[in-house]
Structure formats: C-alpha cells, structure tokens
Amino acid sequence: MLAIIVVMVWLLLKQRKSNQSDDLEIERTINYFATSLFGKNTIDEILWDVTKNCISHLNFEDCVIYLVDEENKVLVQKAAYGPKNPKDYEIYEPIEIPLGKGIVGSVAVSGIPEIISDTTTDPRYIVDDDMRHSEITVPIIYQGKVLGIIDAEHHEKGFFQSKHLFILNTIASLCANKIIRSQVEVAYQAAAIRLHENNRKIAENRLAVLRLQMNPHFVFNSLNSIGNFILKNEPLKASGYLTKFSKLIRLIFDSAQSEWVPLDQEIKSLELYIELEQLRFNNKFDVIINVSEEINRGSVMVPPLLLQPFVENAIWHGLMPKEGERGELFLHYWLQQDKLCMSIEDNGIGRAASMKSRTGRIATLQKQGIKLTDERIHIINEIYHTKIQAVIKDLIDEKGDAAGTRVIVSLDMKNP
C-alpha cells in the first residue's frame, strides 16, 4: 500500500514538474512572439513574422495566415511558411476559401478556435498543397469581429495540444491589435495625402487668381502710357510702344498658362517691360542686365513675372522721382550653390523718401502689388517647396545718404 502511495506522489510531482515546464515554455514562446512583433508595423510584416516564428519556435510543419475579404466573402492567404513558401515573402499558388467552407472557413464564421486531431475523419478538411493528418485553426478577432485566421497543419495525428491552442490564441490577440493599428495608420496617411492634395489644389487655384490679379494691373499701366502718347500727338512713339506692348502681352499670356517658365523667356518679358517704361519716361534711366555664364537660360525654370513687381517698384518709386543724376537699373542673375539668385538694384531716392512722396491711389496700388507678390511667393513655396526668399536692402552712399534700393530674390534651382 505504501509503495502505491509513493508511486502516486511521484507521478503527481512529475506531472506538476511537467506542467511547470510547459508553463515556462509557453511564457517564453509568447514573450518571443511579442518581442518579435514589436518592430513590425505593416500588415505584411506582422503576418510573415508570425508564420515564420510558428515554424521555427513551435515546430509546426506548415503555417498559413488568411485575412477576411469582406467584399468577396472569402478568406485570402496572405502569409505562409512551410511547403507553401518556397521563397521568402511568396506563397506558392495561393488559394481563397469562401467563408463557411472547410475548417478554416467554419472557424472564420463561428469565431471559435478548433483542434482537429485526425483530419481524415472531418469532412470539412480541404487539401491545399498536401494531405496532413492534424490541424489547428485559430481566429484573429478584434472587438468581436474576425479579421483573419491562423492555420497550421502537421502530418502526425494528434500533434496539436492545448498549449499550442493557448499560444496561438495569445498570438492572434497580439496580431489583431497590430493589424488594427496598422490599418488606422494607413487610413491616417491616406487622409493626410488627400488633405495635402486638396490644400495643394486650393493653393494652385489661389495662385492662378493672383496671376490674373497681377496681369490686369500690369496691362493697365501700359495702356495708360499708350493713351498718354496719343493725347500728346506722338503717333510714332505710340506705334512703337504698341508694337512692343503686343509682343509683351503675347509673352505674358503664354507665361500665364504655366506655373514655371524658362529663365530666357522671363528675361525677355522683363526686357520688353523695361523698354516700354523707358519709352514712357523719355529714357530717363539706363538698364543693364547681366546673366552669369554658368546659367543655362533655356533649362533653368522660374515662376513667371516673379521679378516684375520689384522692377516696377524700382522704376516707379525709386528712379522716376529722382532728380539730377541719371537713373540706373541693374539686374543680375547668378548661381550660388544650388540656388538661383536674382537682384534688382536702382540708384533711386530710396524707400524712406519714396514712402513720404506717395499718397492716395498710388500708395494704395503699390501696397496691393507688394501684398500680392508676397502672397504669391508664399503659395509657390508651399506648393513646390522652392524656398523663394526676397530680401530688400536700402543702399547708402559715403555720406550716409540714401543711394537706392537692392532686392535679392533667391530660389532653389528647378529644371524642366
């Protein structure tokens, strides 16, 4: 009798020790899966990592993860390790299983995991790549909704145990949270892209409106000049002005169709504009345009009429009020590292004196022109990330008196 009791105690201790060993193994395995999943963020990364670890750490022969395709009411194989995976991240002849069909489809509908100890006795069993005698199928569930299935098979009957079921249930729960987080992140990124595109379209429309606002103001000044020549009975000047004006208008209309134009075209527009202003003001000032030899005028792109408002300010508010010394306007284009730099410099009366001399409608028009230019630069920077900068500097002579104004506009190089 005593011997029987000793044997029973020994068996209980052995069972207890075995259970403790199983518990330790389960804990270690789950911790490994959780750690491995930590750095996986996309759904593909998550699923492939799980199937790979099921093979390497649970000694499964085959492991496949299906995801539910709600639209088509099927389960789609998304990741696999074993015979279904001859190459990394590829599934050999992936199949789709209708919801409710086979063991996998049944578990997807019921949401209840199953262990099939002998697949030959279960009429639901579907042979995929090869016949195997035992199967374990666990649903991936989030808030009561089945997202997919973890399915594994083995050639031995009765291979899968309760510990496998516990481990896969835990892994499925980890998967579900990671999948939902990934889906939320993808949805968030898609929404952010749509918002960015919508903001871009709004900005582009606003930019088009700004161009339309600038061009009439520019055209109005030129038409005014032609009218003045006609009123003064100077038909030759009016005709010459009109010829240059028509060429300029064609260039402006061509430029208005594009957000960017070749630098060569932009310089031609400015040259025509300056010639018109010289005619209008009886050649009261000279102009020099200098383009660095390292610049390819035909390939470097700039926003159309970007410098025109600054040139107009230099002529109207710097050079025209100037008395005595002849006015000079100097435009210079050069490259500085990866930026195109453009300067407009005049020897006019300077900004301080110009502000004092401007009143009424002239002052209002100039403020509007500057505001439109600033807003246009801001929108171009937002849309194209060009980092256009306009820096205005007051020039002074040796005596400390105003000697004109210099505007330097810089932007990132852009080629067609």
Protein backbone atom coordinates (compact mmCIF):
# COMPACT_ATOMS: atom_id res chain seq x y z
CA MET A 1 0.00 0.00 0.00
CA LEU A 2 2.79 2.39 0.94
CA ALA A 3 4.51 1.62 -2.36
CA ILE A 4 1.36 2.55 -4.26
CA ILE A 5 1.12 5.86 -2.38
CA VAL A 6 4.79 6.64 -3.10
CA VAL A 7 4.26 5.93 -6.79
CA MET A 8 1.18 8.17 -6.90
CA VAL A 9 3.02 11.04 -5.17
CA TRP A 10 5.92 10.58 -7.56
CA LEU A 11 3.56 10.72 -10.56
CA LEU A 12 1.86 13.85 -9.21
CA LEU A 13 5.19 15.60 -8.66
CA LYS A 14 6.32 14.57 -12.12
CA GLN A 15 3.07 15.89 -13.62
CA ARG A 16 3.42 19.10 -11.66
CA LYS A 17 7.00 19.50 -12.80
CA SER A 18 5.93 18.80 -16.39
CA ASN A 19 3.14 21.37 -16.11
CA GLN A 20 5.58 23.95 -14.72
CA SER A 21 7.94 23.20 -17.59
CA ASP A 22 5.09 23.61 -20.10
CA ASP A 23 4.03 26.90 -18.46
CA LEU A 24 7.59 28.18 -18.66
CA GLU A 25 7.84 27.16 -22.31
CA ILE A 26 4.53 28.83 -23.13
CA GLU A 27 5.56 32.02 -21.37
CA ARG A 28 8.94 32.09 -23.16
CA THR A 29 7.30 31.46 -26.55
CA ILE A 30 4.68 34.19 -26.12
CA ASN A 31 7.31 36.66 -24.95
CA TYR A 32 9.40 35.85 -28.00
CA PHE A 33 6.45 36.44 -30.35
CA ALA A 34 5.55 39.70 -28.62
CA THR A 35 9.15 40.93 -28.82
CA SER A 36 9.47 39.90 -32.45
CA LEU A 37 6.26 41.72 -33.40
CA PHE A 38 7.36 44.92 -31.65
CA GLY A 39 9.22 46.31 -34.66
CA LYS A 40 6.70 45.15 -37.27
CA ASN A 41 4.32 47.89 -38.41
CA THR A 42 2.81 46.91 -41.76
CA ILE A 43 0.27 44.12 -42.03
CA ASP A 44 2.56 42.12 -44.32
CA GLU A 45 5.45 42.38 -41.84
CA ILE A 46 3.21 41.24 -38.99
CA LEU A 47 1.76 38.22 -40.77
CA TRP A 48 5.00 36.94 -42.27
CA ASP A 49 6.76 37.29 -38.91
CA VAL A 50 4.10 35.20 -37.15
CA THR A 51 4.08 32.39 -39.72
CA LYS A 52 7.88 32.20 -39.70
CA ASN A 53 8.05 32.02 -35.90
CA CYS A 54 5.29 29.40 -35.73
CA ILE A 55 7.50 27.12 -37.79
CA SER A 56 10.79 27.87 -36.04
CA HIS A 57 9.60 28.05 -32.40
CA LEU A 58 6.59 25.73 -32.30
CA ASN A 59 7.95 23.03 -34.62
CA PHE A 60 4.97 23.29 -36.94
CA GLU A 61 5.37 21.85 -40.45
CA ASP A 62 3.06 24.32 -42.09
CA CYS A 63 1.52 27.65 -41.06
CA VAL A 64 -0.71 29.93 -43.15
CA ILE A 65 -2.48 33.16 -42.23
CA TYR A 66 -5.66 34.17 -44.03
CA LEU A 67 -7.32 37.58 -43.96
CA VAL A 68 -11.03 38.14 -44.48
CA ASP A 69 -12.03 39.82 -47.75
CA GLU A 70 -15.39 41.21 -46.66
CA GLU A 71 -16.39 42.41 -50.12
CA ASN A 72 -15.98 38.99 -51.75
CA LYS A 73 -16.83 36.96 -48.62
CA VAL A 74 -13.67 34.87 -48.82
CA LEU A 75 -10.50 34.17 -46.85
CA VAL A 76 -7.32 35.06 -48.73
CA GLN A 77 -3.91 33.55 -47.99
CA LYS A 78 -1.61 36.43 -47.07
CA ALA A 79 1.44 34.79 -45.46
CA ALA A 80 2.82 31.28 -45.21
CA TYR A 81 5.80 29.24 -44.05
CA GLY A 82 6.46 25.66 -44.98
CA PRO A 83 5.84 23.97 -48.36
CA LYS A 84 3.56 26.86 -49.39
CA ASN A 85 6.53 29.23 -49.10
CA PRO A 86 9.45 28.08 -51.30
CA LYS A 87 10.76 31.68 -51.40
CA ASP A 88 10.67 34.46 -48.80
CA TYR A 89 7.52 36.55 -48.88
CA GLU A 90 5.94 34.48 -51.64
CA ILE A 91 3.06 32.00 -51.44
CA TYR A 92 3.02 29.08 -53.84
CA GLU A 93 -0.34 29.00 -55.63
CA PRO A 94 -2.30 30.99 -53.01
CA ILE A 95 -5.92 29.93 -52.60
CA GLU A 96 -9.12 31.60 -51.45
CA ILE A 97 -11.63 29.85 -49.22
CA PRO A 98 -15.28 31.01 -49.08
CA LEU A 99 -16.49 31.94 -45.60
CA GLY A 100 -18.15 28.91 -44.00
CA LYS A 101 -16.37 26.36 -46.20
CA GLY A 102 -13.76 23.96 -44.82
CA ILE A 103 -12.33 24.03 -41.32
CA VAL A 104 -10.77 27.45 -41.89
CA GLY A 105 -13.99 28.93 -43.29
CA SER A 106 -16.06 27.42 -40.46
CA VAL A 107 -13.84 28.94 -37.77
CA ALA A 108 -13.97 32.31 -39.56
CA VAL A 109 -17.78 32.24 -39.25
CA SER A 110 -18.02 30.82 -35.71
CA GLY A 111 -15.04 32.73 -34.23
CA ILE A 112 -14.26 29.59 -32.14
CA PRO A 113 -10.77 28.01 -32.43
CA GLU A 114 -10.56 24.30 -33.25
CA ILE A 115 -8.03 21.46 -33.00
CA ILE A 116 -8.61 18.59 -35.44
CA SER A 117 -6.67 15.55 -34.23
CA ASP A 118 -7.49 13.45 -37.30
CA THR A 119 -8.38 15.33 -40.48
CA THR A 120 -9.37 12.08 -42.25
CA THR A 121 -12.47 11.93 -40.08
CA ASP A 122 -13.52 15.56 -40.69
CA PRO A 123 -15.45 16.04 -43.96
CA ARG A 124 -14.72 19.80 -43.84
CA TYR A 125 -10.97 19.27 -44.37
CA ILE A 126 -9.67 20.85 -47.59
CA VAL A 127 -6.37 19.61 -49.04
CA ASP A 128 -4.23 22.56 -50.08
CA ASP A 129 -0.66 21.66 -51.13
CA ASP A 130 -0.60 18.23 -49.40
CA MET A 131 -2.65 15.96 -47.13
CA ARG A 132 -1.81 16.28 -43.40
CA HIS A 133 -3.42 14.43 -40.50
CA SER A 134 -3.89 17.13 -37.85
CA GLU A 135 -4.83 20.80 -37.98
CA ILE A 136 -5.21 23.75 -35.62
CA THR A 137 -7.22 26.80 -36.63
CA VAL A 138 -7.42 30.00 -34.55
CA PRO A 139 -9.37 33.16 -35.44
CA ILE A 140 -7.78 36.61 -35.29
CA ILE A 141 -10.50 38.65 -33.57
CA TYR A 142 -10.77 42.34 -32.71
CA GLN A 143 -13.77 43.58 -30.73
CA GLY A 144 -15.85 40.55 -31.74
CA LYS A 145 -15.01 40.80 -35.44
CA VAL A 146 -12.97 38.09 -37.20
CA LEU A 147 -10.14 39.71 -39.16
CA GLY A 148 -8.41 36.54 -40.25
CA ILE A 149 -7.26 33.02 -39.39
CA ILE A 150 -4.01 31.42 -38.22
CA ASP A 151 -3.98 27.87 -39.53
CA ALA A 152 -1.34 25.16 -39.08
CA GLU A 153 -1.15 21.51 -40.11
CA HIS A 154 1.06 18.52 -39.24
CA HIS A 155 1.48 15.05 -40.73
CA GLU A 156 1.14 13.37 -37.30
CA LYS A 157 -2.32 12.68 -35.93
CA GLY A 158 -2.98 14.37 -32.59
CA PHE A 159 0.10 16.58 -32.87
CA PHE A 160 -1.54 19.80 -31.67
CA GLN A 161 -2.09 20.16 -27.91
CA SER A 162 -3.87 22.60 -25.62
CA LYS A 163 -0.61 24.51 -25.11
CA HIS A 164 -0.48 25.20 -28.87
CA LEU A 165 -4.04 26.48 -28.72
CA PHE A 166 -3.23 28.79 -25.80
CA ILE A 167 -0.12 30.14 -27.55
CA LEU A 168 -1.88 30.74 -30.89
CA ASN A 169 -4.85 32.40 -29.19
CA THR A 170 -2.47 34.82 -27.47
CA ILE A 171 -0.55 35.45 -30.71
CA ALA A 172 -3.84 36.00 -32.57
CA SER A 173 -4.80 38.63 -29.99
CA LEU A 174 -1.43 40.38 -30.43
CA CYS A 175 -1.87 40.19 -34.22
CA ALA A 176 -5.35 41.68 -34.07
CA ASN A 177 -4.17 44.76 -32.20
CA LYS A 178 -1.17 45.23 -34.51
CA ILE A 179 -3.33 44.80 -37.64
CA ILE A 180 -5.89 47.35 -36.47
CA ARG A 181 -3.13 49.80 -35.53
CA SER A 182 -1.58 49.33 -38.97
CA GLN A 183 -4.93 49.85 -40.71
CA VAL A 184 -5.53 53.03 -38.71
CA GLU A 185 -2.06 54.31 -39.62
CA VAL A 186 -2.61 53.54 -43.32
CA ALA A 187 -6.01 55.27 -43.21
CA TYR A 188 -4.47 58.26 -41.43
CA GLN A 189 -1.71 58.53 -44.03
CA ALA A 190 -4.22 58.26 -46.87
CA ALA A 191 -6.34 61.00 -45.27
CA ALA A 192 -3.24 63.16 -44.82
CA ILE A 193 -2.34 62.68 -48.50
CA ARG A 194 -5.87 63.59 -49.58
CA LEU A 195 -5.80 66.67 -47.35
CA HIS A 196 -2.41 67.66 -48.76
CA GLU A 197 -3.67 67.25 -52.33
CA ASN A 198 -6.82 69.26 -51.57
CA ASN A 199 -4.75 72.02 -49.98
CA ARG A 200 -2.44 71.96 -52.98
CA LYS A 201 -5.37 72.32 -55.39
CA ILE A 202 -6.76 75.19 -53.33
CA ALA A 203 -3.34 76.87 -53.31
CA GLU A 204 -2.95 76.37 -57.07
CA ASN A 205 -6.35 77.93 -57.69
CA ARG A 206 -5.43 80.83 -55.42
CA LEU A 207 -2.15 81.20 -57.30
CA ALA A 208 -4.00 81.34 -60.62
CA VAL A 209 -6.27 84.06 -59.23
CA LEU A 210 -3.24 86.03 -58.05
CA ARG A 211 -1.68 85.86 -61.51
CA LEU A 212 -4.91 87.14 -63.01
CA GLN A 213 -4.91 89.99 -60.47
CA MET A 214 -1.32 90.96 -61.27
CA ASN A 215 -1.64 90.90 -65.06
CA PRO A 216 -4.54 93.42 -65.37
CA HIS A 217 -2.66 95.84 -63.10
CA PHE A 218 0.41 95.44 -65.30
CA VAL A 219 -1.59 95.80 -68.54
CA PHE A 220 -3.45 98.86 -67.22
CA ASN A 221 -0.19 100.79 -66.72
CA SER A 222 0.95 100.05 -70.28
CA LEU A 223 -2.38 101.04 -71.85
CA ASN A 224 -2.25 104.25 -69.85
CA SER A 225 1.16 105.02 -71.36
CA ILE A 226 -0.09 104.44 -74.93
CA GLY A 227 -3.03 106.74 -74.22
CA ASN A 228 -0.67 109.45 -72.99
CA PHE A 229 1.37 109.29 -76.24
CA ILE A 230 -1.79 109.60 -78.31
CA LEU A 231 -3.01 112.55 -76.25
CA LYS A 232 0.38 114.26 -76.73
CA ASN A 233 0.09 113.68 -80.52
CA GLU A 234 3.16 111.48 -80.66
CA PRO A 235 2.00 108.76 -83.09
CA LEU A 236 5.46 107.28 -83.73
CA LYS A 237 6.06 106.77 -80.01
CA ALA A 238 2.55 105.40 -79.62
CA SER A 239 3.09 102.97 -82.53
CA GLY A 240 6.48 101.81 -81.23
CA TYR A 241 5.06 101.41 -77.76
CA LEU A 242 2.07 99.46 -79.08
CA THR A 243 4.33 97.08 -81.06
CA LYS A 244 6.45 96.28 -78.01
CA PHE A 245 3.36 96.10 -75.86
CA SER A 246 1.72 93.49 -78.13
CA LYS A 247 4.87 91.33 -78.01
CA LEU A 248 4.93 91.59 -74.24
CA ILE A 249 1.24 90.68 -73.94
CA ARG A 250 1.82 87.54 -76.02
CA LEU A 251 4.67 86.56 -73.72
CA ILE A 252 2.56 87.26 -70.64
CA PHE A 253 -0.36 85.20 -71.95
CA ASP A 254 1.98 82.34 -72.81
CA SER A 255 3.58 82.52 -69.35
CA ALA A 256 0.21 82.68 -67.61
CA GLN A 257 -0.56 79.16 -68.86
CA SER A 258 2.34 77.70 -66.84
CA GLU A 259 3.47 77.76 -63.24
CA TRP A 260 7.11 77.78 -64.39
CA VAL A 261 8.80 79.23 -67.48
CA PRO A 262 12.39 79.11 -68.78
CA LEU A 263 14.57 81.91 -67.43
CA ASP A 264 15.23 83.04 -71.01
CA GLN A 265 11.52 83.69 -71.56
CA GLU A 266 11.24 85.52 -68.24
CA ILE A 267 14.18 87.79 -69.08
CA LYS A 268 12.64 88.63 -72.49
CA SER A 269 9.43 89.66 -70.75
CA LEU A 270 11.35 91.89 -68.34
CA GLU A 271 13.41 93.43 -71.16
CA LEU A 272 10.24 94.33 -73.06
CA TYR A 273 8.61 95.71 -69.95
CA ILE A 274 11.65 97.86 -69.11
CA GLU A 275 11.87 99.12 -72.72
CA LEU A 276 8.23 100.18 -72.51
CA GLU A 277 8.89 102.06 -69.29
CA GLN A 278 11.97 103.71 -70.82
CA LEU A 279 9.86 104.89 -73.74
CA ARG A 280 7.16 106.10 -71.42
CA PHE A 281 9.57 108.14 -69.28
CA ASN A 282 11.66 109.52 -72.19
CA ASN A 283 14.68 107.32 -71.46
CA LYS A 284 15.17 108.88 -68.07
CA PHE A 285 17.13 105.86 -66.87
CA ASP A 286 19.54 103.24 -68.21
CA VAL A 287 19.35 99.50 -67.68
CA ILE A 288 21.98 96.75 -67.52
CA ILE A 289 21.01 93.06 -67.43
CA ASN A 290 23.82 90.67 -66.53
CA VAL A 291 23.37 86.90 -66.61
CA SER A 292 26.21 84.73 -65.32
CA GLU A 293 27.73 82.48 -67.99
CA GLU A 294 27.25 79.38 -65.84
CA ILE A 295 23.45 79.72 -66.12
CA ASN A 296 21.69 77.86 -68.91
CA ARG A 297 18.86 80.27 -69.65
CA GLY A 298 16.83 77.68 -71.52
CA SER A 299 16.83 74.99 -68.82
CA VAL A 300 16.57 76.96 -65.56
CA MET A 301 12.91 77.45 -64.64
CA VAL A 302 11.34 80.32 -62.68
CA PRO A 303 7.79 81.40 -61.79
CA PRO A 304 6.55 83.82 -64.50
CA LEU A 305 6.67 87.56 -63.75
CA LEU A 306 8.33 86.89 -60.40
CA LEU A 307 10.63 89.94 -60.60
CA GLN A 308 8.28 92.28 -62.49
CA PRO A 309 6.65 93.83 -59.39
CA PHE A 310 10.09 94.55 -57.88
CA VAL A 311 11.31 96.08 -61.17
CA GLU A 312 8.14 98.16 -61.38
CA ASN A 313 8.68 99.47 -57.84
CA ALA A 314 12.31 100.31 -58.64
CA ILE A 315 11.29 102.32 -61.71
CA TRP A 316 8.13 104.00 -60.42
CA HIS A 317 9.05 104.71 -56.84
CA GLY A 318 12.84 104.80 -56.95
CA LEU A 319 14.01 106.18 -60.31
CA MET A 320 11.11 108.32 -61.54
CA PRO A 321 11.08 110.74 -58.58
CA LYS A 322 14.90 111.07 -58.85
CA GLU A 323 16.23 114.47 -59.93
CA GLY A 324 19.67 115.48 -61.17
CA GLU A 325 21.79 112.35 -61.62
CA ARG A 326 20.66 109.91 -64.33
CA GLY A 327 18.81 106.83 -63.13
CA GLU A 328 20.31 103.36 -63.39
CA LEU A 329 18.64 99.98 -63.12
CA PHE A 330 20.82 96.89 -62.80
CA LEU A 331 19.53 93.29 -62.99
CA HIS A 332 21.93 90.50 -62.16
CA TYR A 333 21.43 86.70 -62.29
CA TRP A 334 23.91 84.24 -60.78
CA LEU A 335 24.18 80.82 -59.15
CA GLN A 336 25.05 80.31 -55.51
CA GLN A 337 25.47 76.64 -54.58
CA ASP A 338 22.11 75.07 -55.53
CA LYS A 339 20.19 78.34 -55.70
CA LEU A 340 19.39 80.82 -58.46
CA CYS A 341 19.92 84.37 -57.23
CA MET A 342 18.48 87.48 -58.91
CA SER A 343 19.00 91.07 -57.85
CA ILE A 344 17.24 94.28 -58.86
CA GLU A 345 19.24 97.36 -57.92
CA ASP A 346 18.47 101.02 -58.56
CA ASN A 347 20.15 104.32 -57.65
CA GLY A 348 16.83 105.95 -56.88
CA ILE A 349 15.62 108.02 -53.96
CA GLY A 350 15.34 105.09 -51.56
CA ARG A 351 12.38 103.62 -49.70
CA ALA A 352 12.16 106.22 -46.93
CA ALA A 353 11.85 109.16 -49.35
CA SER A 354 9.53 107.16 -51.59
CA MET A 355 7.14 106.45 -48.71
CA LYS A 356 6.90 110.17 -47.96
CA SER A 357 6.19 111.09 -51.57
CA ARG A 358 3.41 108.56 -52.12
CA THR A 359 -0.16 109.42 -51.34
CA GLY A 360 -3.67 108.33 -52.21
CA ARG A 361 -4.26 105.88 -55.03
CA ILE A 362 -0.55 105.48 -55.97
CA ALA A 363 0.33 104.40 -52.43
CA THR A 364 -2.64 102.01 -52.34
CA LEU A 365 -1.71 100.38 -55.66
CA GLN A 366 1.87 99.83 -54.55
CA LYS A 367 0.79 98.27 -51.27
CA GLN A 368 -1.59 95.96 -53.15
CA GLY A 369 1.17 94.98 -55.58
CA ILE A 370 3.59 94.16 -52.75
CA LYS A 371 0.92 92.23 -50.87
CA LEU A 372 0.03 90.17 -53.97
CA THR A 373 3.70 89.43 -54.62
CA ASP A 374 4.30 88.32 -51.02
CA GLU A 375 1.23 86.10 -51.08
CA ARG A 376 2.22 84.59 -54.41
CA ILE A 377 5.73 83.77 -53.13
CA HIS A 378 4.22 82.22 -50.00
CA ILE A 379 1.90 79.96 -52.03
CA ILE A 380 4.63 78.93 -54.50
CA ASN A 381 6.82 77.96 -51.54
CA GLU A 382 4.01 75.90 -50.04
CA ILE A 383 3.20 74.05 -53.26
CA TYR A 384 6.66 73.49 -54.73
CA HIS A 385 8.90 73.74 -51.61
CA THR A 386 11.12 76.18 -53.51
CA LYS A 387 12.11 78.35 -50.52
CA ILE A 388 11.84 81.58 -52.50
CA GLN A 389 13.18 84.47 -50.45
CA ALA A 390 13.07 88.20 -51.21
CA VAL A 391 15.42 90.41 -49.20
CA ILE A 392 15.22 94.20 -49.57
CA LYS A 393 18.18 96.36 -48.62
CA ASP A 394 18.42 100.16 -48.51
CA LEU A 395 21.64 101.46 -50.13
CA ILE A 396 23.54 104.43 -48.72
CA ASP A 397 26.48 106.45 -50.05
CA GLU A 398 29.67 107.52 -48.26
CA LYS A 399 27.85 110.44 -46.66
CA GLY A 400 25.18 108.16 -45.25
CA ASP A 401 22.51 109.45 -47.65
CA ALA A 402 20.04 107.21 -49.48
CA ALA A 403 21.58 105.80 -52.66
CA GLY A 404 18.85 103.49 -53.89
CA THR A 405 17.47 100.05 -53.16
CA ARG A 406 18.58 96.47 -53.79
CA VAL A 407 16.23 93.47 -53.84
CA ILE A 408 17.73 89.97 -53.89
CA VAL A 409 15.40 87.12 -54.77
CA SER A 410 16.68 83.54 -54.39
CA LEU A 411 15.07 80.19 -55.06
CA ASP A 412 16.04 76.54 -55.35
CA MET A 413 17.20 75.52 -58.80
CA LYS A 414 14.47 73.92 -60.92
CA ASN A 415 15.00 72.26 -64.29
CA PRO A 416 12.31 71.11 -66.76
